[in-house]
Amino acid sequence: MDYISALEICSHMLSAVKHISANRSNGIYISVMHHLD
């Protein structure tokens, strides 16, 4: 496994983690707003 493919895999993992955490925080925000209504 060469260096460039390792970097690509790391960047894909990071973007996936960012996407998941963003979706999770949006879900929490939406549920909080529903409770406040």
N, C-alpha and C. Protein backbone atom coordinates (compact mmCIF):
# COMPACT_ATOMS: atom_id res chain seq x y z
N MET A 1 0.85 -1.19 0.00
CA MET A 1 0.00 0.00 0.00
C MET A 1 0.89 1.24 0.00
N ASP A 2 0.70 2.09 -0.98
CA ASP A 2 1.57 3.27 -1.07
C ASP A 2 1.00 4.45 -0.30
N TYR A 3 1.81 5.48 -0.24
CA TYR A 3 1.52 6.64 0.61
C TYR A 3 0.29 7.40 0.14
N ILE A 4 0.17 7.56 -1.19
CA ILE A 4 -0.92 8.37 -1.73
C ILE A 4 -2.27 7.70 -1.49
N SER A 5 -2.35 6.39 -1.67
CA SER A 5 -3.64 5.72 -1.44
C SER A 5 -4.00 5.76 0.03
N ALA A 6 -3.00 5.69 0.91
CA ALA A 6 -3.28 5.80 2.35
C ALA A 6 -3.85 7.18 2.66
N LEU A 7 -3.29 8.22 2.05
CA LEU A 7 -3.79 9.57 2.27
C LEU A 7 -5.22 9.71 1.75
N GLU A 8 -5.50 9.11 0.59
CA GLU A 8 -6.85 9.19 0.03
C GLU A 8 -7.85 8.52 0.95
N ILE A 9 -7.49 7.35 1.48
CA ILE A 9 -8.38 6.64 2.39
C ILE A 9 -8.62 7.48 3.65
N CYS A 10 -7.57 8.09 4.19
CA CYS A 10 -7.72 8.93 5.38
C CYS A 10 -8.65 10.10 5.11
N SER A 11 -8.51 10.74 3.96
CA SER A 11 -9.36 11.90 3.67
C SER A 11 -10.81 11.47 3.47
N HIS A 12 -11.01 10.30 2.85
CA HIS A 12 -12.39 9.80 2.70
C HIS A 12 -13.01 9.51 4.06
N MET A 13 -12.22 8.92 4.97
CA MET A 13 -12.73 8.61 6.30
C MET A 13 -13.08 9.90 7.03
N LEU A 14 -12.21 10.92 6.92
CA LEU A 14 -12.46 12.19 7.60
C LEU A 14 -13.72 12.86 7.08
N SER A 15 -13.91 12.86 5.76
CA SER A 15 -15.11 13.50 5.22
C SER A 15 -16.36 12.72 5.61
N ALA A 16 -16.25 11.40 5.69
CA ALA A 16 -17.40 10.60 6.11
C ALA A 16 -17.75 10.90 7.56
N VAL A 17 -16.73 11.03 8.41
CA VAL A 17 -16.97 11.33 9.82
C VAL A 17 -17.60 12.71 9.97
N LYS A 18 -17.10 13.68 9.20
CA LYS A 18 -17.68 15.03 9.25
C LYS A 18 -19.14 15.01 8.83
N HIS A 19 -19.43 14.24 7.77
CA HIS A 19 -20.80 14.16 7.25
C HIS A 19 -21.72 13.54 8.29
N ILE A 20 -21.26 12.46 8.92
CA ILE A 20 -22.09 11.77 9.92
C ILE A 20 -22.33 12.68 11.12
N SER A 21 -21.28 13.35 11.60
CA SER A 21 -21.45 14.20 12.78
C SER A 21 -22.35 15.40 12.46
N ALA A 22 -22.26 15.92 11.24
CA ALA A 22 -23.13 17.03 10.85
C ALA A 22 -24.58 16.58 10.81
N ASN A 23 -24.83 15.39 10.25
CA ASN A 23 -26.20 14.86 10.21
C ASN A 23 -26.73 14.63 11.61
N ARG A 24 -25.87 14.12 12.50
CA ARG A 24 -26.31 13.83 13.86
C ARG A 24 -26.66 15.12 14.59
N SER A 25 -25.84 16.16 14.45
CA SER A 25 -26.12 17.42 15.14
C SER A 25 -27.38 18.07 14.56
N ASN A 26 -27.60 17.94 13.25
CA ASN A 26 -28.83 18.46 12.66
C ASN A 26 -30.04 17.74 13.21
N GLY A 27 -29.95 16.43 13.38
CA GLY A 27 -31.06 15.66 13.93
C GLY A 27 -31.37 16.07 15.35
N ILE A 28 -30.33 16.31 16.15
CA ILE A 28 -30.53 16.74 17.54
C ILE A 28 -31.19 18.12 17.55
N TYR A 29 -30.72 19.01 16.69
CA TYR A 29 -31.27 20.36 16.62
C TYR A 29 -32.75 20.32 16.24
N ILE A 30 -33.09 19.50 15.25
CA ILE A 30 -34.48 19.41 14.79
C ILE A 30 -35.36 18.85 15.90
N SER A 31 -34.89 17.82 16.61
CA SER A 31 -35.72 17.24 17.67
C SER A 31 -35.90 18.24 18.81
N VAL A 32 -34.88 19.04 19.11
CA VAL A 32 -35.00 20.05 20.16
C VAL A 32 -36.03 21.10 19.75
N MET A 33 -35.98 21.53 18.48
CA MET A 33 -36.94 22.53 18.02
C MET A 33 -38.37 21.98 18.08
N HIS A 34 -38.54 20.69 17.78
CA HIS A 34 -39.88 20.10 17.87
C HIS A 34 -40.37 20.09 19.32
N HIS A 35 -39.46 19.83 20.25
CA HIS A 35 -39.86 19.82 21.65
C HIS A 35 -40.23 21.23 22.13
N LEU A 36 -39.58 22.24 21.57
CA LEU A 36 -39.84 23.61 22.00
C LEU A 36 -41.17 24.14 21.47
N ASP A 37 -41.64 23.57 20.37
CA ASP A 37 -42.90 24.08 19.78
C ASP A 37 -44.10 23.84 20.66
